[in-house]
């Protein structure tokens, strides 16, 4: 599992938006987003470029941290 901090989430709608955006990235198998922790966790089916994850978050208006 990999994680990425997500700044700017304030409600469950934000969580749903981030979940949907990350699930749409090719190679992502499953996504879990915690509003309380400000953290998205995801599993990969195939290796995923960290920059694709970051760009998916930026495109919906949030600020991603480093993918770990």
PDB file of N, CA and C in Angstrom:
ATOM      1  N   UNK A   1       0.838  -1.183   0.000  1.00  0.00           N
ATOM      2  CA  UNK A   1       0.000   0.000   0.000  1.00  0.00           C
ATOM      3  C   UNK A   1       0.880   1.242   0.000  1.00  0.00           C
ATOM      4  N   UNK A   2       0.395   2.262  -0.690  1.00  0.00           N
ATOM      5  CA  UNK A   2       1.083   3.538  -0.714  1.00  0.00           C
ATOM      6  C   UNK A   2       0.155   4.594  -0.138  1.00  0.00           C
ATOM      7  N   UNK A   3       0.743   5.674   0.357  1.00  0.00           N
ATOM      8  CA  UNK A   3      -0.051   6.752   0.936  1.00  0.00           C
ATOM      9  C   UNK A   3       0.367   8.098   0.339  1.00  0.00           C
ATOM     10  N   UNK A   4      -0.565   9.031   0.372  1.00  0.00           N
ATOM     11  CA  UNK A   4      -0.285  10.402  -0.047  1.00  0.00           C
ATOM     12  C   UNK A   4      -1.116  11.349   0.813  1.00  0.00           C
ATOM     13  N   UNK A   5      -0.465  12.321   1.465  1.00  0.00           N
ATOM     14  CA  UNK A   5      -1.219  13.324   2.206  1.00  0.00           C
ATOM     15  C   UNK A   5      -2.020  14.189   1.230  1.00  0.00           C
ATOM     16  N   UNK A   6      -3.218  14.594   1.647  1.00  0.00           N
ATOM     17  CA  UNK A   6      -4.063  15.443   0.815  1.00  0.00           C
ATOM     18  C   UNK A   6      -4.541  16.619   1.661  1.00  0.00           C
ATOM     19  N   UNK A   7      -4.113  17.829   1.290  1.00  0.00           N
ATOM     20  CA  UNK A   7      -4.525  19.040   2.014  1.00  0.00           C
ATOM     21  C   UNK A   7      -5.730  19.653   1.318  1.00  0.00           C
ATOM     22  N   UNK A   8      -6.631  20.210   2.129  1.00  0.00           N
ATOM     23  CA  UNK A   8      -7.767  20.937   1.585  1.00  0.00           C
ATOM     24  C   UNK A   8      -9.098  20.218   1.691  1.00  0.00           C
ATOM     25  N   UNK A   9      -9.096  18.966   2.152  1.00  0.00           N
ATOM     26  CA  UNK A   9     -10.359  18.243   2.308  1.00  0.00           C
ATOM     27  C   UNK A   9     -11.065  18.743   3.567  1.00  0.00           C
ATOM     28  N   UNK A  10     -12.385  18.974   3.451  1.00  0.00           N
ATOM     29  CA  UNK A  10     -13.119  19.479   4.613  1.00  0.00           C
ATOM     30  C   UNK A  10     -14.424  18.731   4.888  1.00  0.00           C
ATOM     31  N   UNK A  11     -14.794  17.791   4.000  1.00  0.00           N
ATOM     32  CA  UNK A  11     -16.072  17.091   4.196  1.00  0.00           C
ATOM     33  C   UNK A  11     -16.046  15.737   3.486  1.00  0.00           C
ATOM     34  N   UNK A  12     -17.129  14.991   3.647  1.00  0.00           N
ATOM     35  CA  UNK A  12     -17.204  13.675   3.021  1.00  0.00           C
ATOM     36  C   UNK A  12     -17.291  13.756   1.502  1.00  0.00           C
ATOM     37  N   UNK A  13     -17.812  14.855   0.988  1.00  0.00           N
ATOM     38  CA  UNK A  13     -17.832  15.052  -0.466  1.00  0.00           C
ATOM     39  C   UNK A  13     -16.399  15.135  -0.995  1.00  0.00           C
ATOM     40  N   UNK A  14     -15.526  15.807  -0.250  1.00  0.00           N
ATOM     41  CA  UNK A  14     -14.110  15.887  -0.623  1.00  0.00           C
ATOM     42  C   UNK A  14     -13.485  14.492  -0.662  1.00  0.00           C
ATOM     43  N   UNK A  15     -13.789  13.707   0.355  1.00  0.00           N
ATOM     44  CA  UNK A  15     -13.276  12.334   0.429  1.00  0.00           C
ATOM     45  C   UNK A  15     -13.733  11.540  -0.794  1.00  0.00           C
ATOM     46  N   UNK A  16     -15.005  11.675  -1.154  1.00  0.00           N
ATOM     47  CA  UNK A  16     -15.542  10.960  -2.314  1.00  0.00           C
ATOM     48  C   UNK A  16     -14.861  11.414  -3.606  1.00  0.00           C
ATOM     49  N   UNK A  17     -14.596  12.704  -3.719  1.00  0.00           N
ATOM     50  CA  UNK A  17     -13.944  13.239  -4.917  1.00  0.00           C
ATOM     51  C   UNK A  17     -12.526  12.691  -5.065  1.00  0.00           C
ATOM     52  N   UNK A  18     -11.781  12.679  -3.969  1.00  0.00           N
ATOM     53  CA  UNK A  18     -10.409  12.162  -4.005  1.00  0.00           C
ATOM     54  C   UNK A  18     -10.424  10.667  -4.296  1.00  0.00           C
ATOM     55  N   UNK A  19     -11.336   9.944  -3.668  1.00  0.00           N
ATOM     56  CA  UNK A  19     -11.446   8.495  -3.901  1.00  0.00           C
ATOM     57  C   UNK A  19     -11.718   8.210  -5.371  1.00  0.00           C
ATOM     58  N   UNK A  20     -12.666   8.924  -5.949  1.00  0.00           N
ATOM     59  CA  UNK A  20     -13.024   8.728  -7.354  1.00  0.00           C
ATOM     60  C   UNK A  20     -11.858   9.076  -8.280  1.00  0.00           C
ATOM     61  N   UNK A  21     -11.179  10.175  -8.003  1.00  0.00           N
ATOM     62  CA  UNK A  21     -10.056  10.603  -8.847  1.00  0.00           C
ATOM     63  C   UNK A  21      -8.915   9.590  -8.821  1.00  0.00           C
ATOM     64  N   UNK A  22      -8.592   9.094  -7.645  1.00  0.00           N
ATOM     65  CA  UNK A  22      -7.485   8.135  -7.545  1.00  0.00           C
ATOM     66  C   UNK A  22      -7.870   6.782  -8.126  1.00  0.00           C
ATOM     67  N   UNK A  23      -9.118   6.375  -7.947  1.00  0.00           N
ATOM     68  CA  UNK A  23      -9.571   5.096  -8.501  1.00  0.00           C
ATOM     69  C   UNK A  23      -9.526   5.099 -10.024  1.00  0.00           C
ATOM     70  N   UNK A  24      -9.594   6.286 -10.629  1.00  0.00           N
ATOM     71  CA  UNK A  24      -9.571   6.399 -12.090  1.00  0.00           C
ATOM     72  C   UNK A  24      -8.163   6.349 -12.674  1.00  0.00           C
ATOM     73  N   UNK A  25      -7.139   6.421 -11.823  1.00  0.00           N
ATOM     74  CA  UNK A  25      -5.755   6.360 -12.312  1.00  0.00           C
ATOM     75  C   UNK A  25      -5.443   4.923 -12.723  1.00  0.00           C
ATOM     76  N   UNK A  26      -4.963   4.723 -13.962  1.00  0.00           N
ATOM     77  CA  UNK A  26      -4.643   3.359 -14.412  1.00  0.00           C
ATOM     78  C   UNK A  26      -3.630   2.678 -13.489  1.00  0.00           C
ATOM     79  N   UNK A  27      -3.955   1.454 -13.091  1.00  0.00           N
ATOM     80  CA  UNK A  27      -3.070   0.679 -12.229  1.00  0.00           C
ATOM     81  C   UNK A  27      -3.458   0.696 -10.764  1.00  0.00           C
ATOM     82  N   UNK A  28      -4.358   1.605 -10.374  1.00  0.00           N
ATOM     83  CA  UNK A  28      -4.791   1.674  -8.973  1.00  0.00           C
ATOM     84  C   UNK A  28      -5.881   0.631  -8.744  1.00  0.00           C
ATOM     85  N   UNK A  29      -5.687  -0.208  -7.719  1.00  0.00           N
ATOM     86  CA  UNK A  29      -6.619  -1.302  -7.441  1.00  0.00           C
ATOM     87  C   UNK A  29      -7.702  -0.895  -6.446  1.00  0.00           C
ATOM     88  N   UNK A  30      -7.321  -0.238  -5.364  1.00  0.00           N
ATOM     89  CA  UNK A  30      -8.295   0.170  -4.361  1.00  0.00           C
ATOM     90  C   UNK A  30      -7.810   1.443  -3.681  1.00  0.00           C
ATOM     91  N   UNK A  31      -8.748   2.204  -3.153  1.00  0.00           N
ATOM     92  CA  UNK A  31      -8.440   3.497  -2.543  1.00  0.00           C
ATOM     93  C   UNK A  31      -9.202   3.639  -1.233  1.00  0.00           C
ATOM     94  N   UNK A  32      -8.537   4.195  -0.231  1.00  0.00           N
ATOM     95  CA  UNK A  32      -9.171   4.534   1.033  1.00  0.00           C
ATOM     96  C   UNK A  32      -8.696   5.939   1.404  1.00  0.00           C
ATOM     97  N   UNK A  33      -9.637   6.831   1.728  1.00  0.00           N
ATOM     98  CA  UNK A  33      -9.284   8.209   2.053  1.00  0.00           C
ATOM     99  C   UNK A  33      -9.803   8.542   3.452  1.00  0.00           C
ATOM    100  N   UNK A  34      -8.930   9.097   4.286  1.00  0.00           N
ATOM    101  CA  UNK A  34      -9.301   9.491   5.641  1.00  0.00           C
ATOM    102  C   UNK A  34      -9.348  11.012   5.742  1.00  0.00           C
ATOM    103  N   UNK A  35     -10.533  11.545   6.002  1.00  0.00           N
ATOM    104  CA  UNK A  35     -10.699  12.984   6.190  1.00  0.00           C
ATOM    105  C   UNK A  35      -9.956  13.429   7.449  1.00  0.00           C
ATOM    106  N   UNK A  36     -10.088  12.653   8.520  1.00  0.00           N
ATOM    107  CA  UNK A  36      -9.480  13.001   9.800  1.00  0.00           C
ATOM    108  C   UNK A  36      -7.958  13.080   9.712  1.00  0.00           C
ATOM    109  N   UNK A  37      -7.357  12.142   9.001  1.00  0.00           N
ATOM    110  CA  UNK A  37      -5.893  12.102   8.869  1.00  0.00           C
ATOM    111  C   UNK A  37      -5.388  12.927   7.690  1.00  0.00           C
ATOM    112  N   UNK A  38      -6.301  13.301   6.767  1.00  0.00           N
ATOM    113  CA  UNK A  38      -5.875  14.012   5.570  1.00  0.00           C
ATOM    114  C   UNK A  38      -4.953  13.150   4.729  1.00  0.00           C
ATOM    115  N   UNK A  39      -5.329  11.879   4.596  1.00  0.00           N
ATOM    116  CA  UNK A  39      -4.448  10.897   3.965  1.00  0.00           C
ATOM    117  C   UNK A  39      -5.222   9.968   3.037  1.00  0.00           C
ATOM    118  N   UNK A  40      -4.664   9.750   1.862  1.00  0.00           N
ATOM    119  CA  UNK A  40      -5.225   8.766   0.928  1.00  0.00           C
ATOM    120  C   UNK A  40      -4.282   7.576   0.864  1.00  0.00           C
ATOM    121  N   UNK A  41      -4.847   6.390   0.926  1.00  0.00           N
ATOM    122  CA  UNK A  41      -4.088   5.147   0.835  1.00  0.00           C
ATOM    123  C   UNK A  41      -4.598   4.384  -0.369  1.00  0.00           C
ATOM    124  N   UNK A  42      -3.666   3.811  -1.152  1.00  0.00           N
ATOM    125  CA  UNK A  42      -4.098   3.061  -2.327  1.00  0.00           C
ATOM    126  C   UNK A  42      -3.203   1.861  -2.574  1.00  0.00           C
ATOM    127  N   UNK A  43      -3.801   0.851  -3.219  1.00  0.00           N
ATOM    128  CA  UNK A  43      -3.066  -0.341  -3.644  1.00  0.00           C
ATOM    129  C   UNK A  43      -2.915  -0.294  -5.152  1.00  0.00           C
ATOM    130  N   UNK A  44      -1.827  -0.877  -5.631  1.00  0.00           N
ATOM    131  CA  UNK A  44      -1.563  -0.890  -7.062  1.00  0.00           C
ATOM    132  C   UNK A  44      -1.765  -2.288  -7.645  1.00  0.00           C
ATOM    133  N   UNK A  45      -2.441  -2.354  -8.818  1.00  0.00           N
ATOM    134  CA  UNK A  45      -2.509  -3.597  -9.596  1.00  0.00           C
ATOM    135  C   UNK A  45      -1.207  -3.740 -10.354  1.00  0.00           C
ATOM    136  N   UNK A  46      -0.773  -2.617 -10.918  1.00  0.00           N
ATOM    137  CA  UNK A  46       0.494  -2.513 -11.638  1.00  0.00           C
ATOM    138  C   UNK A  46       1.176  -1.251 -11.126  1.00  0.00           C
ATOM    139  N   UNK A  47       2.492  -1.126 -11.285  1.00  0.00           N
ATOM    140  CA  UNK A  47       3.176   0.073 -10.789  1.00  0.00           C
ATOM    141  C   UNK A  47       2.565   1.362 -11.358  1.00  0.00           C
ATOM    142  N   UNK A  48       2.378   2.336 -10.474  1.00  0.00           N
ATOM    143  CA  UNK A  48       1.775   3.611 -10.846  1.00  0.00           C
ATOM    144  C   UNK A  48       2.792   4.718 -10.591  1.00  0.00           C
ATOM    145  N   UNK A  49       2.965   5.594 -11.578  1.00  0.00           N
ATOM    146  CA  UNK A  49       3.857   6.740 -11.436  1.00  0.00           C
ATOM    147  C   UNK A  49       3.282   7.677 -10.371  1.00  0.00           C
ATOM    148  N   UNK A  50       4.080   8.015  -9.385  1.00  0.00           N
ATOM    149  CA  UNK A  50       3.638   8.898  -8.304  1.00  0.00           C
ATOM    150  C   UNK A  50       3.115  10.227  -8.827  1.00  0.00           C
ATOM    151  N   UNK A  51       3.679  10.716  -9.918  1.00  0.00           N
ATOM    152  CA  UNK A  51       3.242  12.001 -10.467  1.00  0.00           C
ATOM    153  C   UNK A  51       1.809  11.915 -10.991  1.00  0.00           C
ATOM    154  N   UNK A  52       1.391  10.748 -11.490  1.00  0.00           N
ATOM    155  CA  UNK A  52      -0.001  10.578 -11.926  1.00  0.00           C
ATOM    156  C   UNK A  52      -0.957  10.703 -10.747  1.00  0.00           C
ATOM    157  N   UNK A  53      -0.548  10.176  -9.616  1.00  0.00           N
ATOM    158  CA  UNK A  53      -1.360  10.276  -8.398  1.00  0.00           C
ATOM    159  C   UNK A  53      -1.467  11.735  -7.982  1.00  0.00           C
ATOM    160  N   UNK A  54      -0.335  12.421  -7.947  1.00  0.00           N
ATOM    161  CA  UNK A  54      -0.320  13.833  -7.556  1.00  0.00           C
ATOM    162  C   UNK A  54      -1.166  14.679  -8.504  1.00  0.00           C
ATOM    163  N   UNK A  55      -1.043  14.450  -9.800  1.00  0.00           N
ATOM    164  CA  UNK A  55      -1.800  15.235 -10.780  1.00  0.00           C
ATOM    165  C   UNK A  55      -3.302  14.991 -10.660  1.00  0.00           C
ATOM    166  N   UNK A  56      -3.711  13.762 -10.373  1.00  0.00           N
ATOM    167  CA  UNK A  56      -5.131  13.454 -10.203  1.00  0.00           C
ATOM    168  C   UNK A  56      -5.717  14.262  -9.041  1.00  0.00           C
ATOM    169  N   UNK A  57      -4.934  14.426  -7.979  1.00  0.00           N
ATOM    170  CA  UNK A  57      -5.382  15.186  -6.802  1.00  0.00           C
ATOM    171  C   UNK A  57      -5.415  16.680  -7.115  1.00  0.00           C
ATOM    172  N   UNK A  58      -4.391  17.176  -7.788  1.00  0.00           N
ATOM    173  CA  UNK A  58      -4.320  18.597  -8.149  1.00  0.00           C
ATOM    174  C   UNK A  58      -5.485  18.980  -9.065  1.00  0.00           C
ATOM    175  N   UNK A  59      -5.807  18.112 -10.018  1.00  0.00           N
ATOM    176  CA  UNK A  59      -6.870  18.410 -10.990  1.00  0.00           C
ATOM    177  C   UNK A  59      -8.231  18.612 -10.345  1.00  0.00           C
ATOM    178  N   UNK A  60      -8.448  18.052  -9.180  1.00  0.00           N
ATOM    179  CA  UNK A  60      -9.751  18.241  -8.522  1.00  0.00           C
ATOM    180  C   UNK A  60      -9.681  19.301  -7.422  1.00  0.00           C
ATOM    181  N   UNK A  61      -8.561  20.020  -7.353  1.00  0.00           N
ATOM    182  CA  UNK A  61      -8.487  21.189  -6.488  1.00  0.00           C
ATOM    183  C   UNK A  61      -7.896  20.998  -5.106  1.00  0.00           C
ATOM    184  N   UNK A  62      -7.209  19.881  -4.880  1.00  0.00           N
ATOM    185  CA  UNK A  62      -6.585  19.650  -3.580  1.00  0.00           C
ATOM    186  C   UNK A  62      -5.070  19.669  -3.733  1.00  0.00           C
ATOM    187  N   UNK A  63      -4.379  19.726  -2.596  1.00  0.00           N
ATOM    188  CA  UNK A  63      -2.920  19.801  -2.600  1.00  0.00           C
ATOM    189  C   UNK A  63      -2.322  18.486  -2.088  1.00  0.00           C
ATOM    190  N   UNK A  64      -1.650  17.738  -2.972  1.00  0.00           N
ATOM    191  CA  UNK A  64      -1.060  16.476  -2.540  1.00  0.00           C
ATOM    192  C   UNK A  64       0.319  16.670  -1.917  1.00  0.00           C
ATOM    193  N   UNK A  65       0.658  15.783  -1.001  1.00  0.00           N
ATOM    194  CA  UNK A  65       2.013  15.727  -0.482  1.00  0.00           C
ATOM    195  C   UNK A  65       2.800  14.697  -1.293  1.00  0.00           C
ATOM    196  N   UNK A  66       3.876  14.223  -0.734  1.00  0.00           N
ATOM    197  CA  UNK A  66       4.700  13.225  -1.404  1.00  0.00           C
ATOM    198  C   UNK A  66       4.075  11.834  -1.262  1.00  0.00           C
ATOM    199  N   UNK A  67       4.086  11.082  -2.348  1.00  0.00           N
ATOM    200  CA  UNK A  67       3.587   9.709  -2.319  1.00  0.00           C
ATOM    201  C   UNK A  67       4.641   8.832  -1.650  1.00  0.00           C
ATOM    202  N   UNK A  68       4.208   8.055  -0.667  1.00  0.00           N
ATOM    203  CA  UNK A  68       5.145   7.175   0.045  1.00  0.00           C
ATOM    204  C   UNK A  68       4.637   5.760   0.045  1.00  0.00           C
TER     205      UNK A  68
END
